[in-house]
Protein backbone atom coordinates (compact mmCIF):
# COMPACT_ATOMS: atom_id res chain seq x y z
CA MET A 1 -14.39 -105.64 48.08
CA ILE A 2 -12.63 -103.37 45.54
CA ASN A 3 -14.83 -101.90 42.85
CA LEU A 4 -12.87 -102.57 39.62
CA ASP A 5 -14.68 -99.85 37.67
CA CYS A 6 -13.83 -97.32 40.34
CA LEU A 7 -10.21 -98.51 40.46
CA GLN A 8 -9.89 -98.21 36.68
CA LYS A 9 -11.24 -94.67 36.81
CA ILE A 10 -8.70 -93.74 39.50
CA ILE A 11 -5.85 -95.24 37.46
CA TYR A 12 -7.09 -93.41 34.37
CA CYS A 13 -7.26 -90.10 36.26
CA ILE A 14 -3.74 -90.56 37.68
CA ARG A 15 -2.37 -91.35 34.24
CA PHE A 16 -4.20 -88.38 32.73
CA LEU A 17 -2.87 -86.02 35.39
CA GLY A 18 0.62 -87.44 34.94
CA ILE A 19 0.49 -86.79 31.19
CA GLN A 20 -0.82 -83.25 31.74
CA LEU A 21 1.90 -82.47 34.28
CA GLU A 22 4.56 -83.85 31.94
CA ASN A 23 3.24 -81.74 29.06
CA PHE A 24 3.12 -78.67 31.32
CA SER A 25 6.71 -79.30 32.43
CA LYS A 26 7.89 -79.65 28.82
CA LYS A 27 6.05 -76.49 27.83
CA LYS A 28 7.57 -74.56 30.74
CA LYS A 29 11.08 -75.73 29.87
CA LYS A 30 10.50 -74.78 26.24
CA GLU A 31 9.36 -71.29 27.28
CA GLU A 32 12.42 -70.90 29.50
CA ARG A 33 14.70 -71.88 26.62
CA LYS A 34 13.07 -69.21 24.47
CA LYS A 35 14.18 -66.45 26.86
CA LYS A 36 17.07 -64.51 25.38
CA LYS A 37 19.94 -63.86 27.78
CA ILE A 38 20.81 -60.18 27.67
CA TYR A 39 23.46 -58.21 29.55
CA TYR A 40 23.20 -54.44 29.92
CA VAL A 41 26.73 -53.10 30.53
CA PHE A 42 26.93 -49.62 32.10
CA ASP A 43 29.98 -47.38 32.39
CA SER A 44 31.01 -43.74 32.05
CA SER A 45 31.59 -44.12 28.30
CA ILE A 46 30.81 -46.54 25.49
CA PHE A 47 34.52 -47.33 25.19
CA LEU A 48 34.68 -48.44 28.84
CA SER A 49 31.44 -50.43 28.70
CA LYS A 50 32.72 -52.23 25.59
CA ARG A 51 35.93 -53.00 27.47
CA VAL A 52 33.88 -54.65 30.21
CA SER A 53 31.83 -56.60 27.63
CA ARG A 54 34.98 -58.57 26.76
CA PHE A 55 34.44 -60.38 30.06
CA LEU A 56 31.13 -61.79 28.86
CA PRO A 57 30.87 -65.30 27.41
CA THR A 58 27.94 -64.30 25.21
CA ALA A 59 27.47 -61.83 22.38
CA ASN A 60 24.04 -60.74 23.62
CA TYR A 61 24.90 -57.52 25.38
CA LYS A 62 24.18 -53.83 25.09
CA CYS A 63 26.78 -51.21 26.03
CA LEU A 64 25.46 -47.98 27.57
CA SER A 65 27.16 -44.75 28.63
CA TYR A 66 26.31 -42.60 31.67
CA ASN A 67 27.04 -39.57 29.49
CA LYS A 68 23.62 -40.08 27.91
CA PRO A 69 21.13 -40.58 30.78
CA PHE A 70 18.00 -40.29 28.61
CA VAL A 71 19.28 -43.01 26.28
CA ILE A 72 19.72 -45.16 29.39
CA PHE A 73 16.18 -44.38 30.59
CA LYS A 74 14.82 -45.37 27.17
CA ASN A 75 16.71 -48.69 27.26
CA LEU A 76 15.55 -49.34 30.82
CA LEU A 77 11.94 -48.96 29.67
CA GLU A 78 12.57 -51.54 26.95
CA ALA A 79 14.21 -53.78 29.55
CA ILE A 80 11.14 -53.58 31.79
CA LEU A 81 8.77 -54.56 29.01
CA LYS A 82 10.79 -57.43 27.57
CA SER A 83 11.85 -58.93 30.89
CA LYS A 84 8.38 -58.72 32.45
CA PHE A 85 6.80 -60.35 29.37
CA GLY A 86 9.26 -63.21 29.70
CA LEU A 87 11.20 -62.45 26.51
CA TRP A 88 14.53 -61.63 28.14
CA ASP A 89 16.62 -63.12 30.92
CA LEU A 90 18.17 -59.78 31.81
CA LYS A 91 21.22 -58.89 33.91
CA PHE A 92 22.81 -55.49 34.63
CA ILE A 93 26.57 -54.99 34.99
CA VAL A 94 28.18 -51.97 36.68
CA CYS A 95 31.85 -51.27 37.36
CA GLY A 96 31.78 -48.96 40.34
CA PHE A 97 29.51 -47.37 42.93
CA ARG A 98 29.37 -43.92 41.37
CA LEU A 99 26.09 -42.03 41.40
CA PRO A 100 24.78 -43.56 38.12
CA ASP A 101 25.90 -47.05 39.26
CA ILE A 102 23.85 -46.67 42.44
CA PHE A 103 20.86 -45.65 40.31
CA ILE A 104 21.18 -48.78 38.15
CA LEU A 105 21.50 -51.01 41.24
CA LYS A 106 18.43 -49.39 42.81
CA PHE A 107 16.45 -49.79 39.58
CA ALA A 108 17.48 -53.45 39.30
CA TYR A 109 16.56 -54.13 42.94
CA LEU A 110 13.09 -52.59 42.61
CA LEU A 111 12.33 -54.68 39.48
CA SER A 112 13.98 -57.91 40.72
CA ILE A 113 16.58 -57.84 37.93
CA LYS A 114 19.89 -59.54 38.74
CA SER A 115 22.85 -57.18 38.87
CA ILE A 116 26.60 -57.73 38.83
CA TYR A 117 29.19 -55.34 40.28
CA ILE A 118 32.81 -55.50 39.11
CA GLN A 119 35.44 -53.78 41.25
CA HIS A 120 37.62 -51.72 38.93
CA GLY A 121 39.89 -49.91 41.37
CA ILE A 122 40.36 -48.80 44.97
CA PHE A 123 38.41 -46.20 46.94
CA LEU A 124 40.26 -43.84 49.27
CA THR A 125 38.34 -41.26 51.30
CA HIS A 126 41.39 -39.01 51.80
CA LEU A 127 41.92 -38.41 48.08
CA LYS A 128 41.16 -34.86 47.00
CA ARG A 129 38.32 -34.86 44.49
CA SER A 130 37.59 -32.08 42.02
CA SER A 131 34.31 -30.22 42.34
CA ILE A 132 31.52 -31.99 40.44
CA ILE A 133 30.11 -28.60 39.45
CA LYS A 134 33.23 -27.90 37.39
CA ASN A 135 33.17 -31.39 35.91
CA LYS A 136 31.75 -32.05 32.43
CA LYS A 137 29.70 -34.88 33.95
CA PHE A 138 27.77 -32.47 36.20
CA ILE A 139 24.56 -32.36 34.13
CA SER A 140 24.27 -36.12 33.64
CA TYR A 141 25.11 -36.81 37.31
CA PHE A 142 22.56 -34.24 38.44
CA ILE A 143 19.91 -36.02 36.33
CA PHE A 144 20.82 -39.35 37.97
CA LEU A 145 20.69 -37.71 41.41
CA ILE A 146 17.11 -36.55 40.72
CA ALA A 147 16.23 -40.02 39.40
CA LEU A 148 17.60 -41.62 42.58
CA PHE A 149 15.60 -39.19 44.71
CA THR A 150 12.40 -40.24 42.87
CA LEU A 151 13.32 -43.87 43.69
CA GLY A 152 13.54 -43.08 47.40
CA GLU A 153 17.29 -42.54 47.93
CA SER A 154 18.50 -39.61 50.04
CA PRO A 155 20.65 -37.14 48.04
CA LEU A 156 22.37 -36.01 51.27
CA LYS A 157 23.39 -39.59 52.12
CA LEU A 158 24.88 -40.03 48.63
CA ILE A 159 26.75 -36.71 48.78
CA ASN A 160 28.23 -37.65 52.18
CA LEU A 161 29.36 -41.00 50.77
CA TYR A 162 31.33 -39.43 47.95
CA LYS A 163 32.54 -36.36 49.84
CA SER A 164 33.50 -37.88 53.19
CA GLY A 165 33.22 -41.66 52.78
CA ASP A 166 30.34 -41.86 55.27
CA ARG A 167 28.94 -45.36 55.72
CA GLY A 168 25.34 -46.23 54.96
CA GLN A 169 22.89 -48.67 53.45
CA PHE A 170 22.96 -48.35 49.68
CA PRO A 171 21.36 -50.34 46.83
CA ARG A 172 23.26 -53.60 46.52
CA PRO A 173 24.09 -55.87 43.57
CA SER A 174 23.12 -59.54 43.40
CA PHE A 175 26.77 -60.48 42.83
CA ALA A 176 30.02 -58.59 43.41
CA LEU A 177 33.33 -59.49 41.77
CA VAL A 178 35.98 -58.07 44.10
CA TYR A 179 39.72 -58.50 44.56
CA ASN A 180 39.78 -60.44 47.83
CA GLU A 181 38.27 -60.80 51.32
CA TYR A 182 39.59 -57.39 52.42
CA TRP A 183 37.61 -55.67 49.66
CA GLU A 184 34.54 -57.76 50.40
CA LYS A 185 34.59 -56.42 53.97
CA PHE A 186 35.26 -52.93 52.65
CA HIS A 187 32.13 -52.95 50.47
CA THR A 188 30.08 -54.54 53.24
CA ASN A 189 31.14 -51.97 55.85
CA LEU A 190 30.96 -48.87 53.62
CA LEU A 191 27.90 -49.65 51.51
CA GLY A 192 25.96 -52.15 53.64
CA TRP A 193 26.17 -54.94 51.04
CA GLU A 194 25.88 -57.79 53.57
CA LYS A 195 23.43 -59.82 51.46
CA THR A 196 25.45 -59.59 48.24
CA ASN A 197 27.05 -62.78 46.89
CA TYR A 198 30.78 -62.09 46.67
CA ILE A 199 33.29 -63.69 44.30
CA HIS A 200 37.02 -63.14 44.92
CA LEU A 201 39.00 -62.82 41.69
CA GLY A 202 42.34 -61.51 42.87
CA VAL A 203 43.71 -58.12 41.81
CA PHE A 204 43.12 -57.47 38.12
CA ASP A 205 42.94 -54.50 35.78
CA LEU A 206 40.00 -54.17 33.40
CA SER A 207 42.22 -52.40 30.89
CA ARG A 208 44.79 -55.22 30.80
CA ASN A 209 43.00 -58.43 31.79
CA SER A 210 40.03 -60.40 30.54
CA LEU A 211 37.92 -63.04 32.27
CA SER A 212 37.26 -66.45 30.74
CA ILE A 213 33.92 -68.25 30.95
CA ASN A 214 35.42 -70.40 33.72
CA GLY A 215 36.34 -67.37 35.81
CA ILE A 216 40.06 -67.48 34.97
CA ILE A 217 41.81 -64.11 34.67
CA LYS A 218 43.95 -63.82 31.53
């Protein structure tokens, strides 16, 4: 025979738990809505990073230049604090796999921050490249090389990539916007980005085209 008092207590407990779970779910959704979506856009100059920011459907972005590595380090510290405390929904955007780009991708990977790579041109190993020592970017690139070394990346492997086009496993982005399937395979074979989510956009020029919120090139 069913004990009615016991049954009522069970029903009461189930209802109470249901209400608590519902309140918890509402609270969690409210907290998620409070997170501010922020994009950090990295490029070799502020002008170029602002050019890339035109692709973004939101005004919440910060443009950063590789010419000022210590400004970048300062902003990365802020990014760590605000994303880990749940204040920001943060994403990094890079437009190449230059030395500083690789540093940003490595940093994002270590801290579980989503990163987006945008292909901005073609990479040919037979092109003659000027000596980095004679380049005005030498000091900033050397700082990023040291930073990558402290994060566990081999400087020799990076030098061989840029000098000779040697293949290897390099820090990968969460998403890669590339021209087509050929360039997806190129990035996979050269950089070891097998686990990256690729999106094919067709051939476009960052200096002439813009990308709508629906992924349509204009």
